[in-house]
Amino acid sequence: MTQAHATYDKADTAQKAAAITTIIDHLVDALGGEPSCTVRRAIILTDIDAHQGTTQAEILARMDDVHKSALNRDVEWLYDHGCILRQPDPDNARILRLSTCGYAKKNLDYALKYFDFSHSAMLHFLENMNGVFGTKKPTLRDAKIISFLGYKKSVTRQEIFDNLYSGPVATDNRAINNLINFGMVQKSDE
């Protein structure tokens, strides 16, 4: 492999990682600026956006790996934080129809630009991201840390903090330590 080819690959990888971090930023914004939201919650919000007017039963049918109680909690959280609307079905008031709204819809659309506005492509991306973490339920903060580190050979904690969201340093530090303990991030000898 020539040196020029290696440089191109590194630049391409850096560009892809930068795009992933931007997508994650849009998802955080779509979820009310909460980087502690799980990737699963972003998946549910994306599914609702793809199927405006859907019901929780329909979401469960499409997502066989989500438990009903977890979906109920996530939908309640999304509603309480202004990400979705719940409207009674005109034919049966016991059925609630879900749709995205406001800042959630706007920021999801920003993220969807990276997928040529294909909800299925973005859902595939999010499901793969969720799968990278195995049994750990990753937050969007975790995903951003991993994507930021994805193309760096070595960084300091401060560089990671500088690329995360404004919030308590203790929370960011705990996230990094959890990723180290889970074996997803390797701590170098200091």
N, C-alpha and C. Protein backbone atom coordinates (compact mmCIF):
# COMPACT_ATOMS: atom_id res chain seq x y z
N MET A 1 0.85 -1.18 0.00
CA MET A 1 0.00 0.00 0.00
C MET A 1 0.90 1.23 0.00
N THR A 2 0.59 2.17 -0.83
CA THR A 2 1.38 3.38 -0.90
C THR A 2 1.00 4.32 0.24
N GLN A 3 1.88 5.25 0.53
CA GLN A 3 1.64 6.22 1.60
C GLN A 3 0.42 7.08 1.27
N ALA A 4 0.26 7.48 0.02
CA ALA A 4 -0.87 8.32 -0.37
C ALA A 4 -2.19 7.58 -0.14
N HIS A 5 -2.21 6.28 -0.44
CA HIS A 5 -3.42 5.50 -0.24
C HIS A 5 -3.76 5.40 1.25
N ALA A 6 -2.76 5.20 2.08
CA ALA A 6 -2.97 5.12 3.53
C ALA A 6 -3.50 6.44 4.07
N THR A 7 -2.99 7.55 3.57
CA THR A 7 -3.46 8.85 4.01
C THR A 7 -4.92 9.04 3.60
N TYR A 8 -5.27 8.61 2.41
CA TYR A 8 -6.65 8.72 1.95
C TYR A 8 -7.58 7.92 2.85
N ASP A 9 -7.18 6.68 3.18
CA ASP A 9 -8.01 5.84 4.05
C ASP A 9 -8.21 6.49 5.42
N LYS A 10 -7.14 7.07 5.96
CA LYS A 10 -7.23 7.72 7.26
C LYS A 10 -8.16 8.93 7.19
N ALA A 11 -8.05 9.70 6.13
CA ALA A 11 -8.92 10.86 5.97
C ALA A 11 -10.36 10.43 5.79
N ASP A 12 -10.57 9.36 5.01
CA ASP A 12 -11.92 8.85 4.79
C ASP A 12 -12.53 8.35 6.10
N THR A 13 -11.74 7.64 6.90
CA THR A 13 -12.21 7.15 8.19
C THR A 13 -12.54 8.31 9.12
N ALA A 14 -11.69 9.31 9.14
CA ALA A 14 -11.93 10.49 9.98
C ALA A 14 -13.20 11.21 9.55
N GLN A 15 -13.42 11.28 8.24
CA GLN A 15 -14.62 11.94 7.72
C GLN A 15 -15.88 11.18 8.12
N LYS A 16 -15.82 9.84 8.03
CA LYS A 16 -16.97 9.02 8.42
C LYS A 16 -17.23 9.13 9.92
N ALA A 17 -16.18 9.12 10.71
CA ALA A 17 -16.35 9.25 12.17
C ALA A 17 -16.93 10.61 12.52
N ALA A 18 -16.49 11.65 11.83
CA ALA A 18 -17.04 12.99 12.06
C ALA A 18 -18.52 13.03 11.71
N ALA A 19 -18.90 12.37 10.63
CA ALA A 19 -20.31 12.31 10.25
C ALA A 19 -21.13 11.57 11.31
N ILE A 20 -20.58 10.47 11.84
CA ILE A 20 -21.28 9.71 12.87
C ILE A 20 -21.47 10.57 14.12
N THR A 21 -20.45 11.31 14.52
CA THR A 21 -20.61 12.15 15.70
C THR A 21 -21.65 13.25 15.46
N THR A 22 -21.71 13.75 14.24
CA THR A 22 -22.73 14.77 13.91
C THR A 22 -24.13 14.16 13.95
N ILE A 23 -24.28 12.95 13.44
CA ILE A 23 -25.57 12.26 13.49
C ILE A 23 -25.98 12.08 14.95
N ILE A 24 -25.06 11.65 15.78
CA ILE A 24 -25.36 11.46 17.20
C ILE A 24 -25.76 12.79 17.83
N ASP A 25 -25.08 13.87 17.48
CA ASP A 25 -25.45 15.19 18.00
C ASP A 25 -26.89 15.55 17.62
N HIS A 26 -27.27 15.28 16.38
CA HIS A 26 -28.66 15.56 15.95
C HIS A 26 -29.65 14.70 16.73
N LEU A 27 -29.29 13.44 16.99
CA LEU A 27 -30.18 12.57 17.76
C LEU A 27 -30.31 13.06 19.20
N VAL A 28 -29.21 13.53 19.78
CA VAL A 28 -29.27 14.09 21.13
C VAL A 28 -30.21 15.30 21.13
N ASP A 29 -30.08 16.15 20.13
CA ASP A 29 -30.96 17.32 20.03
C ASP A 29 -32.41 16.90 19.82
N ALA A 30 -32.63 15.84 19.05
CA ALA A 30 -33.99 15.34 18.83
C ALA A 30 -34.60 14.79 20.11
N LEU A 31 -33.75 14.36 21.02
CA LEU A 31 -34.20 13.81 22.30
C LEU A 31 -34.05 14.84 23.41
N GLY A 32 -34.25 16.09 23.08
CA GLY A 32 -34.28 17.15 24.08
C GLY A 32 -32.94 17.51 24.68
N GLY A 33 -31.84 17.22 23.96
CA GLY A 33 -30.53 17.55 24.47
C GLY A 33 -30.06 16.63 25.59
N GLU A 34 -30.58 15.40 25.61
CA GLU A 34 -30.26 14.43 26.66
C GLU A 34 -29.30 13.35 26.16
N PRO A 35 -27.99 13.55 26.32
CA PRO A 35 -27.04 12.54 25.86
C PRO A 35 -27.10 11.23 26.65
N SER A 36 -27.79 11.24 27.78
CA SER A 36 -27.93 10.02 28.58
C SER A 36 -29.04 9.11 28.07
N CYS A 37 -29.77 9.54 27.05
CA CYS A 37 -30.80 8.68 26.45
C CYS A 37 -30.13 7.47 25.82
N THR A 38 -30.82 6.37 25.86
CA THR A 38 -30.29 5.15 25.26
C THR A 38 -30.43 5.19 23.74
N VAL A 39 -29.59 4.43 23.09
CA VAL A 39 -29.69 4.29 21.63
C VAL A 39 -31.06 3.67 21.31
N ARG A 40 -31.55 2.77 22.17
CA ARG A 40 -32.87 2.18 21.96
C ARG A 40 -33.96 3.25 21.87
N ARG A 41 -33.88 4.27 22.72
CA ARG A 41 -34.87 5.35 22.67
C ARG A 41 -34.78 6.10 21.35
N ALA A 42 -33.57 6.28 20.83
CA ALA A 42 -33.40 6.92 19.52
C ALA A 42 -33.99 6.04 18.42
N ILE A 43 -33.87 4.73 18.56
CA ILE A 43 -34.45 3.79 17.60
C ILE A 43 -35.97 3.92 17.61
N ILE A 44 -36.55 3.97 18.79
CA ILE A 44 -38.02 4.07 18.91
C ILE A 44 -38.50 5.40 18.32
N LEU A 45 -37.80 6.48 18.63
CA LEU A 45 -38.19 7.79 18.07
C LEU A 45 -38.10 7.77 16.55
N THR A 46 -37.05 7.17 16.01
CA THR A 46 -36.90 7.08 14.55
C THR A 46 -38.01 6.23 13.94
N ASP A 47 -38.36 5.14 14.61
CA ASP A 47 -39.45 4.29 14.11
C ASP A 47 -40.77 5.06 14.10
N ILE A 48 -41.04 5.82 15.14
CA ILE A 48 -42.27 6.62 15.18
C ILE A 48 -42.26 7.64 14.04
N ASP A 49 -41.11 8.26 13.81
CA ASP A 49 -41.01 9.24 12.73
C ASP A 49 -41.24 8.59 11.37
N ALA A 50 -40.77 7.37 11.21
CA ALA A 50 -40.95 6.65 9.94
C ALA A 50 -42.39 6.22 9.73
N HIS A 51 -43.12 6.03 10.81
CA HIS A 51 -44.51 5.54 10.74
C HIS A 51 -45.42 6.49 11.51
N GLN A 52 -45.52 7.71 11.03
CA GLN A 52 -46.36 8.72 11.69
C GLN A 52 -47.77 8.16 11.89
N GLY A 53 -48.30 8.34 13.11
CA GLY A 53 -49.64 7.84 13.41
C GLY A 53 -49.63 6.39 13.86
N THR A 54 -48.47 5.84 14.17
CA THR A 54 -48.35 4.45 14.59
C THR A 54 -48.89 4.27 16.01
N THR A 55 -49.08 3.04 16.40
CA THR A 55 -49.48 2.71 17.77
C THR A 55 -48.34 1.94 18.44
N GLN A 56 -48.41 1.82 19.76
CA GLN A 56 -47.39 1.06 20.47
C GLN A 56 -47.43 -0.41 20.06
N ALA A 57 -48.62 -0.93 19.81
CA ALA A 57 -48.74 -2.33 19.38
C ALA A 57 -48.04 -2.54 18.03
N GLU A 58 -48.17 -1.57 17.14
CA GLU A 58 -47.50 -1.67 15.84
C GLU A 58 -45.99 -1.58 15.99
N ILE A 59 -45.52 -0.73 16.91
CA ILE A 59 -44.07 -0.63 17.15
C ILE A 59 -43.56 -1.97 17.67
N LEU A 60 -44.28 -2.57 18.62
CA LEU A 60 -43.87 -3.87 19.17
C LEU A 60 -43.80 -4.93 18.08
N ALA A 61 -44.72 -4.89 17.14
CA ALA A 61 -44.72 -5.86 16.04
C ALA A 61 -43.50 -5.67 15.14
N ARG A 62 -43.05 -4.42 14.98
CA ARG A 62 -41.88 -4.15 14.13
C ARG A 62 -40.56 -4.41 14.87
N MET A 63 -40.56 -4.27 16.19
CA MET A 63 -39.33 -4.40 16.99
C MET A 63 -39.48 -5.57 17.94
N ASP A 64 -39.05 -6.72 17.49
CA ASP A 64 -39.22 -7.92 18.30
C ASP A 64 -38.28 -8.01 19.49
N ASP A 65 -37.27 -7.15 19.57
CA ASP A 65 -36.34 -7.21 20.70
C ASP A 65 -36.63 -6.19 21.79
N VAL A 66 -37.74 -5.46 21.70
CA VAL A 66 -38.12 -4.48 22.71
C VAL A 66 -39.28 -5.05 23.53
N HIS A 67 -39.13 -5.01 24.84
CA HIS A 67 -40.19 -5.48 25.73
C HIS A 67 -41.26 -4.41 25.87
N LYS A 68 -42.48 -4.86 26.07
CA LYS A 68 -43.62 -3.95 26.17
C LYS A 68 -43.42 -2.92 27.28
N SER A 69 -42.93 -3.35 28.44
CA SER A 69 -42.75 -2.42 29.56
C SER A 69 -41.68 -1.37 29.23
N ALA A 70 -40.61 -1.77 28.56
CA ALA A 70 -39.57 -0.82 28.16
C ALA A 70 -40.11 0.17 27.14
N LEU A 71 -40.90 -0.33 26.19
CA LEU A 71 -41.50 0.55 25.19
C LEU A 71 -42.44 1.54 25.86
N ASN A 72 -43.24 1.07 26.80
CA ASN A 72 -44.15 1.97 27.52
C ASN A 72 -43.38 3.10 28.21
N ARG A 73 -42.28 2.75 28.89
CA ARG A 73 -41.46 3.77 29.57
C ARG A 73 -40.87 4.75 28.57
N ASP A 74 -40.34 4.24 27.46
CA ASP A 74 -39.72 5.12 26.47
C ASP A 74 -40.74 6.04 25.81
N VAL A 75 -41.90 5.51 25.47
CA VAL A 75 -42.94 6.34 24.86
C VAL A 75 -43.41 7.41 25.85
N GLU A 76 -43.55 7.03 27.11
CA GLU A 76 -43.95 8.01 28.13
C GLU A 76 -42.90 9.10 28.25
N TRP A 77 -41.62 8.71 28.25
CA TRP A 77 -40.54 9.69 28.33
C TRP A 77 -40.57 10.61 27.11
N LEU A 78 -40.71 10.03 25.93
CA LEU A 78 -40.75 10.83 24.70
C LEU A 78 -41.91 11.82 24.72
N TYR A 79 -43.04 11.40 25.22
CA TYR A 79 -44.20 12.28 25.31
C TYR A 79 -43.95 13.39 26.34
N ASP A 80 -43.47 13.00 27.52
CA ASP A 80 -43.23 13.97 28.59
C ASP A 80 -42.20 15.03 28.21
N HIS A 81 -41.27 14.69 27.33
CA HIS A 81 -40.22 15.62 26.91
C HIS A 81 -40.54 16.32 25.59
N GLY A 82 -41.76 16.19 25.11
CA GLY A 82 -42.19 16.94 23.93
C GLY A 82 -41.66 16.43 22.62
N CYS A 83 -41.20 15.18 22.58
CA CYS A 83 -40.66 14.62 21.33
C CYS A 83 -41.76 14.05 20.43
N ILE A 84 -42.84 13.59 21.05
CA ILE A 84 -43.93 12.99 20.28
C ILE A 84 -45.28 13.52 20.75
N LEU A 85 -46.24 13.37 19.87
CA LEU A 85 -47.64 13.66 20.19
C LEU A 85 -48.38 12.33 20.32
N ARG A 86 -49.36 12.29 21.20
CA ARG A 86 -50.26 11.13 21.31
C ARG A 86 -51.66 11.65 21.03
N GLN A 87 -52.29 11.10 20.02
CA GLN A 87 -53.63 11.53 19.66
C GLN A 87 -54.54 10.32 19.57
N PRO A 88 -55.77 10.45 20.10
CA PRO A 88 -56.70 9.32 20.01
C PRO A 88 -57.07 9.01 18.56
N ASP A 89 -57.20 7.72 18.29
CA ASP A 89 -57.63 7.28 16.98
C ASP A 89 -59.07 7.76 16.76
N PRO A 90 -59.39 8.31 15.60
CA PRO A 90 -60.75 8.81 15.37
C PRO A 90 -61.82 7.71 15.45
N ASP A 91 -61.44 6.46 15.18
CA ASP A 91 -62.42 5.37 15.19
C ASP A 91 -62.50 4.64 16.54
N ASN A 92 -61.45 4.77 17.36
CA ASN A 92 -61.42 4.08 18.63
C ASN A 92 -60.57 4.91 19.60
N ALA A 93 -61.21 5.61 20.50
CA ALA A 93 -60.52 6.53 21.41
C ALA A 93 -59.58 5.82 22.37
N ARG A 94 -59.68 4.50 22.51
CA ARG A 94 -58.77 3.77 23.39
C ARG A 94 -57.39 3.58 22.75
N ILE A 95 -57.32 3.76 21.45
CA ILE A 95 -56.05 3.62 20.72
C ILE A 95 -55.42 5.00 20.57
N LEU A 96 -54.14 5.09 20.96
CA LEU A 96 -53.42 6.35 20.81
C LEU A 96 -52.46 6.25 19.63
N ARG A 97 -52.53 7.24 18.76
CA ARG A 97 -51.65 7.33 17.59
C ARG A 97 -50.47 8.23 17.96
N LEU A 98 -49.26 7.79 17.61
CA LEU A 98 -48.03 8.50 17.96
C LEU A 98 -47.40 9.14 16.72
N SER A 99 -46.88 10.34 16.90
CA SER A 99 -46.15 11.00 15.82
C SER A 99 -45.11 11.93 16.41
N THR A 100 -44.05 12.16 15.66
CA THR A 100 -43.01 13.08 16.11
C THR A 100 -43.47 14.51 15.90
N CYS A 101 -42.85 15.42 16.63
CA CYS A 101 -43.24 16.83 16.51
C CYS A 101 -42.09 17.74 16.89
N GLY A 102 -42.24 19.01 16.60
CA GLY A 102 -41.34 20.06 17.05
C GLY A 102 -39.87 19.79 16.81
N TYR A 103 -39.09 20.05 17.87
CA TYR A 103 -37.63 19.93 17.76
C TYR A 103 -37.21 18.51 17.46
N ALA A 104 -37.96 17.53 17.92
CA ALA A 104 -37.60 16.14 17.64
C ALA A 104 -37.67 15.87 16.13
N LYS A 105 -38.75 16.29 15.51
CA LYS A 105 -38.93 16.10 14.07
C LYS A 105 -37.85 16.84 13.29
N LYS A 106 -37.60 18.10 13.67
CA LYS A 106 -36.61 18.92 12.97
C LYS A 106 -35.22 18.29 13.05
N ASN A 107 -34.81 17.86 14.23
CA ASN A 107 -33.47 17.31 14.39
C ASN A 107 -33.33 15.90 13.82
N LEU A 108 -34.40 15.13 13.83
CA LEU A 108 -34.37 13.83 13.14
C LEU A 108 -34.17 14.04 11.65
N ASP A 109 -34.83 15.05 11.10
CA ASP A 109 -34.64 15.35 9.68
C ASP A 109 -33.19 15.72 9.37
N TYR A 110 -32.53 16.45 10.29
CA TYR A 110 -31.11 16.77 10.09
C TYR A 110 -30.29 15.48 10.05
N ALA A 111 -30.56 14.55 10.96
CA ALA A 111 -29.83 13.28 10.99
C ALA A 111 -30.14 12.45 9.75
N LEU A 112 -31.39 12.47 9.31
CA LEU A 112 -31.80 11.68 8.15
C LEU A 112 -31.12 12.13 6.86
N LYS A 113 -30.67 13.38 6.80
CA LYS A 113 -29.95 13.86 5.61
C LYS A 113 -28.74 12.97 5.31
N TYR A 114 -28.10 12.46 6.35
CA TYR A 114 -26.92 11.62 6.18
C TYR A 114 -27.28 10.23 5.62
N PHE A 115 -28.56 9.91 5.60
CA PHE A 115 -29.03 8.62 5.11
C PHE A 115 -29.95 8.79 3.90
N ASP A 116 -29.80 9.91 3.20
CA ASP A 116 -30.66 10.22 2.06
C ASP A 116 -32.14 10.11 2.43
N PHE A 117 -32.45 10.54 3.63
CA PHE A 117 -33.81 10.57 4.18
C PHE A 117 -34.46 9.19 4.23
N SER A 118 -33.64 8.16 4.37
CA SER A 118 -34.14 6.79 4.49
C SER A 118 -34.20 6.40 5.96
N HIS A 119 -35.41 6.29 6.48
CA HIS A 119 -35.58 5.87 7.88
C HIS A 119 -35.02 4.46 8.09
N SER A 120 -35.22 3.57 7.12
CA SER A 120 -34.74 2.20 7.30
C SER A 120 -33.20 2.18 7.37
N ALA A 121 -32.52 3.03 6.60
CA ALA A 121 -31.06 3.09 6.66
C ALA A 121 -30.61 3.63 8.02
N MET A 122 -31.30 4.64 8.54
CA MET A 122 -30.93 5.18 9.84
C MET A 122 -31.23 4.17 10.95
N LEU A 123 -32.34 3.47 10.85
CA LEU A 123 -32.65 2.44 11.84
C LEU A 123 -31.60 1.33 11.80
N HIS A 124 -31.17 0.94 10.62
CA HIS A 124 -30.13 -0.07 10.48
C HIS A 124 -28.83 0.41 11.15
N PHE A 125 -28.46 1.65 10.91
CA PHE A 125 -27.29 2.26 11.54
C PHE A 125 -27.40 2.22 13.06
N LEU A 126 -28.56 2.62 13.59
CA LEU A 126 -28.76 2.65 15.05
C LEU A 126 -28.76 1.24 15.65
N GLU A 127 -29.38 0.31 14.96
CA GLU A 127 -29.40 -1.07 15.45
C GLU A 127 -27.99 -1.67 15.45
N ASN A 128 -27.21 -1.36 14.43
CA ASN A 128 -25.81 -1.81 14.40
C ASN A 128 -25.01 -1.18 15.53
N MET A 129 -25.25 0.10 15.76
CA MET A 129 -24.57 0.79 16.85
C MET A 129 -24.94 0.14 18.18
N ASN A 130 -26.20 -0.15 18.36
CA ASN A 130 -26.66 -0.81 19.58
C ASN A 130 -25.98 -2.18 19.72
N GLY A 131 -25.85 -2.90 18.60
CA GLY A 131 -25.24 -4.22 18.61
C GLY A 131 -23.76 -4.22 18.93
N VAL A 132 -23.07 -3.13 18.59
CA VAL A 132 -21.64 -3.02 18.88
C VAL A 132 -21.40 -3.15 20.38
N PHE A 133 -22.34 -2.68 21.16
CA PHE A 133 -22.16 -2.65 22.61
C PHE A 133 -22.57 -3.96 23.28
N GLY A 134 -23.10 -4.90 22.52
CA GLY A 134 -23.49 -6.20 23.09
C GLY A 134 -24.61 -6.06 24.10
N THR A 135 -24.37 -6.57 25.30
CA THR A 135 -25.41 -6.57 26.34
C THR A 135 -25.53 -5.24 27.06
N LYS A 136 -24.54 -4.39 26.95
CA LYS A 136 -24.61 -3.07 27.58
C LYS A 136 -25.64 -2.24 26.82
N LYS A 137 -26.44 -1.52 27.55
CA LYS A 137 -27.43 -0.63 26.92
C LYS A 137 -26.78 0.74 26.74
N PRO A 138 -26.26 1.00 25.55
CA PRO A 138 -25.50 2.22 25.35
C PRO A 138 -26.36 3.48 25.32
N THR A 139 -25.77 4.54 25.84
CA THR A 139 -26.39 5.85 25.73
C THR A 139 -25.81 6.54 24.49
N LEU A 140 -26.42 7.63 24.11
CA LEU A 140 -25.87 8.39 22.99
C LEU A 140 -24.51 8.98 23.37
N ARG A 141 -24.29 9.27 24.64
CA ARG A 141 -22.97 9.73 25.10
C ARG A 141 -21.92 8.64 24.85
N ASP A 142 -22.27 7.38 25.20
CA ASP A 142 -21.36 6.26 24.94
C ASP A 142 -21.04 6.16 23.45
N ALA A 143 -22.08 6.26 22.64
CA ALA A 143 -21.90 6.15 21.19
C ALA A 143 -21.00 7.26 20.66
N LYS A 144 -21.15 8.46 21.22
CA LYS A 144 -20.31 9.56 20.75
C LYS A 144 -18.85 9.34 21.16
N ILE A 145 -18.63 8.85 22.36
CA ILE A 145 -17.26 8.57 22.80
C ILE A 145 -16.61 7.55 21.87
N ILE A 146 -17.32 6.46 21.60
CA ILE A 146 -16.78 5.40 20.75
C ILE A 146 -16.53 5.92 19.33
N SER A 147 -17.47 6.70 18.79
CA SER A 147 -17.27 7.20 17.43
C SER A 147 -16.12 8.20 17.39
N PHE A 148 -15.96 9.00 18.42
CA PHE A 148 -14.85 9.95 18.47
C PHE A 148 -13.52 9.20 18.54
N LEU A 149 -13.47 8.14 19.33
CA LEU A 149 -12.23 7.37 19.47
C LEU A 149 -11.97 6.46 18.28
N GLY A 150 -12.99 6.25 17.45
CA GLY A 150 -12.88 5.31 16.35
C GLY A 150 -11.77 5.58 15.37
N TYR A 151 -11.38 6.80 15.21
CA TYR A 151 -10.33 7.10 14.24
C TYR A 151 -9.10 7.74 14.88
N LYS A 152 -9.07 7.80 16.18
CA LYS A 152 -7.92 8.37 16.89
C LYS A 152 -7.04 7.24 17.40
N LYS A 153 -5.77 7.43 17.34
CA LYS A 153 -4.87 6.41 17.88
C LYS A 153 -4.83 6.52 19.40
N SER A 154 -4.73 7.73 19.90
CA SER A 154 -4.65 7.95 21.33
C SER A 154 -5.13 9.36 21.64
N VAL A 155 -5.93 9.48 22.67
CA VAL A 155 -6.42 10.79 23.10
C VAL A 155 -6.39 10.84 24.62
N THR A 156 -6.42 12.05 25.13
CA THR A 156 -6.51 12.23 26.58
C THR A 156 -7.97 12.30 26.98
N ARG A 157 -8.21 12.12 28.25
CA ARG A 157 -9.59 12.28 28.75
C ARG A 157 -10.11 13.67 28.44
N GLN A 158 -9.24 14.67 28.58
CA GLN A 158 -9.67 16.04 28.33
C GLN A 158 -10.13 16.22 26.89
N GLU A 159 -9.44 15.58 25.94
CA GLU A 159 -9.86 15.67 24.53
C GLU A 159 -11.24 15.03 24.34
N ILE A 160 -11.50 13.95 25.06
CA ILE A 160 -12.83 13.33 25.00
C ILE A 160 -13.86 14.29 25.58
N PHE A 161 -13.56 14.85 26.75
CA PHE A 161 -14.49 15.80 27.40
C PHE A 161 -14.79 16.98 26.47
N ASP A 162 -13.76 17.47 25.78
CA ASP A 162 -13.93 18.62 24.89
C ASP A 162 -14.86 18.31 23.72
N ASN A 163 -15.01 17.03 23.38
CA ASN A 163 -15.86 16.64 22.26
C ASN A 163 -17.21 16.09 22.70
N LEU A 164 -17.49 16.15 24.00
CA LEU A 164 -18.79 15.70 24.51
C LEU A 164 -19.69 16.89 24.76
N TYR A 165 -20.77 16.63 25.45
CA TYR A 165 -21.79 17.64 25.69
C TYR A 165 -21.50 18.38 26.98
N SER A 166 -21.95 19.62 27.05
CA SER A 166 -21.74 20.37 28.29
C SER A 166 -22.62 19.74 29.36
N GLY A 167 -21.99 19.36 30.40
CA GLY A 167 -22.67 18.70 31.50
C GLY A 167 -21.66 18.38 32.56
N PRO A 168 -22.08 17.68 33.58
CA PRO A 168 -21.16 17.37 34.67
C PRO A 168 -19.99 16.50 34.20
N VAL A 169 -18.79 16.89 34.56
CA VAL A 169 -17.59 16.14 34.20
C VAL A 169 -17.65 14.75 34.84
N ALA A 170 -18.24 14.67 36.03
CA ALA A 170 -18.35 13.38 36.71
C ALA A 170 -19.15 12.38 35.87
N THR A 171 -20.20 12.86 35.21
CA THR A 171 -21.01 11.99 34.35
C THR A 171 -20.20 11.50 33.16
N ASP A 172 -19.48 12.41 32.52
CA ASP A 172 -18.64 12.04 31.38
C ASP A 172 -17.54 11.07 31.81
N ASN A 173 -16.94 11.34 32.96
CA ASN A 173 -15.88 10.49 33.50
C ASN A 173 -16.42 9.09 33.79
N ARG A 174 -17.60 9.02 34.37
CA ARG A 174 -18.24 7.73 34.66
C ARG A 174 -18.51 6.96 33.37
N ALA A 175 -18.94 7.66 32.33
CA ALA A 175 -19.19 7.01 31.04
C ALA A 175 -17.90 6.42 30.47
N ILE A 176 -16.82 7.18 30.53
CA ILE A 176 -15.53 6.69 30.03
C ILE A 176 -15.08 5.48 30.85
N ASN A 177 -15.18 5.57 32.17
CA ASN A 177 -14.78 4.46 33.04
C ASN A 177 -15.62 3.22 32.77
N ASN A 178 -16.92 3.39 32.54
CA ASN A 178 -17.78 2.25 32.22
C ASN A 178 -17.35 1.59 30.91
N LEU A 179 -17.00 2.39 29.92
CA LEU A 179 -16.54 1.84 28.64
C LEU A 179 -15.20 1.12 28.80
N ILE A 180 -14.34 1.63 29.67
CA ILE A 180 -13.07 0.95 29.97
C ILE A 180 -13.37 -0.38 30.65
N ASN A 181 -14.24 -0.37 31.67
CA ASN A 181 -14.58 -1.59 32.40
C ASN A 181 -15.27 -2.61 31.51
N PHE A 182 -16.02 -2.15 30.55
CA PHE A 182 -16.74 -3.04 29.64
C PHE A 182 -15.82 -3.58 28.54
N GLY A 183 -14.61 -3.02 28.45
CA GLY A 183 -13.63 -3.49 27.47
C GLY A 183 -13.75 -2.84 26.11
N MET A 184 -14.51 -1.76 26.01
CA MET A 184 -14.70 -1.10 24.72
C MET A 184 -13.66 -0.01 24.48
N VAL A 185 -13.06 0.48 25.55
CA VAL A 185 -12.03 1.51 25.47
C VAL A 185 -10.86 1.00 26.28
N GLN A 186 -9.68 1.17 25.71
CA GLN A 186 -8.48 0.73 26.41
C GLN A 186 -7.79 1.95 27.01
N LYS A 187 -7.50 1.84 28.29
CA LYS A 187 -6.79 2.91 28.99
C LYS A 187 -5.30 2.67 28.82
N SER A 188 -4.60 3.69 28.38
CA SER A 188 -3.15 3.53 28.21
C SER A 188 -2.45 3.79 29.53
N ASP A 189 -1.24 3.29 29.65
CA ASP A 189 -0.46 3.54 30.86
C ASP A 189 -0.11 5.02 30.93
N GLU A 190 -0.38 5.58 32.08
CA GLU A 190 -0.12 7.02 32.22
C GLU A 190 1.21 7.28 32.89
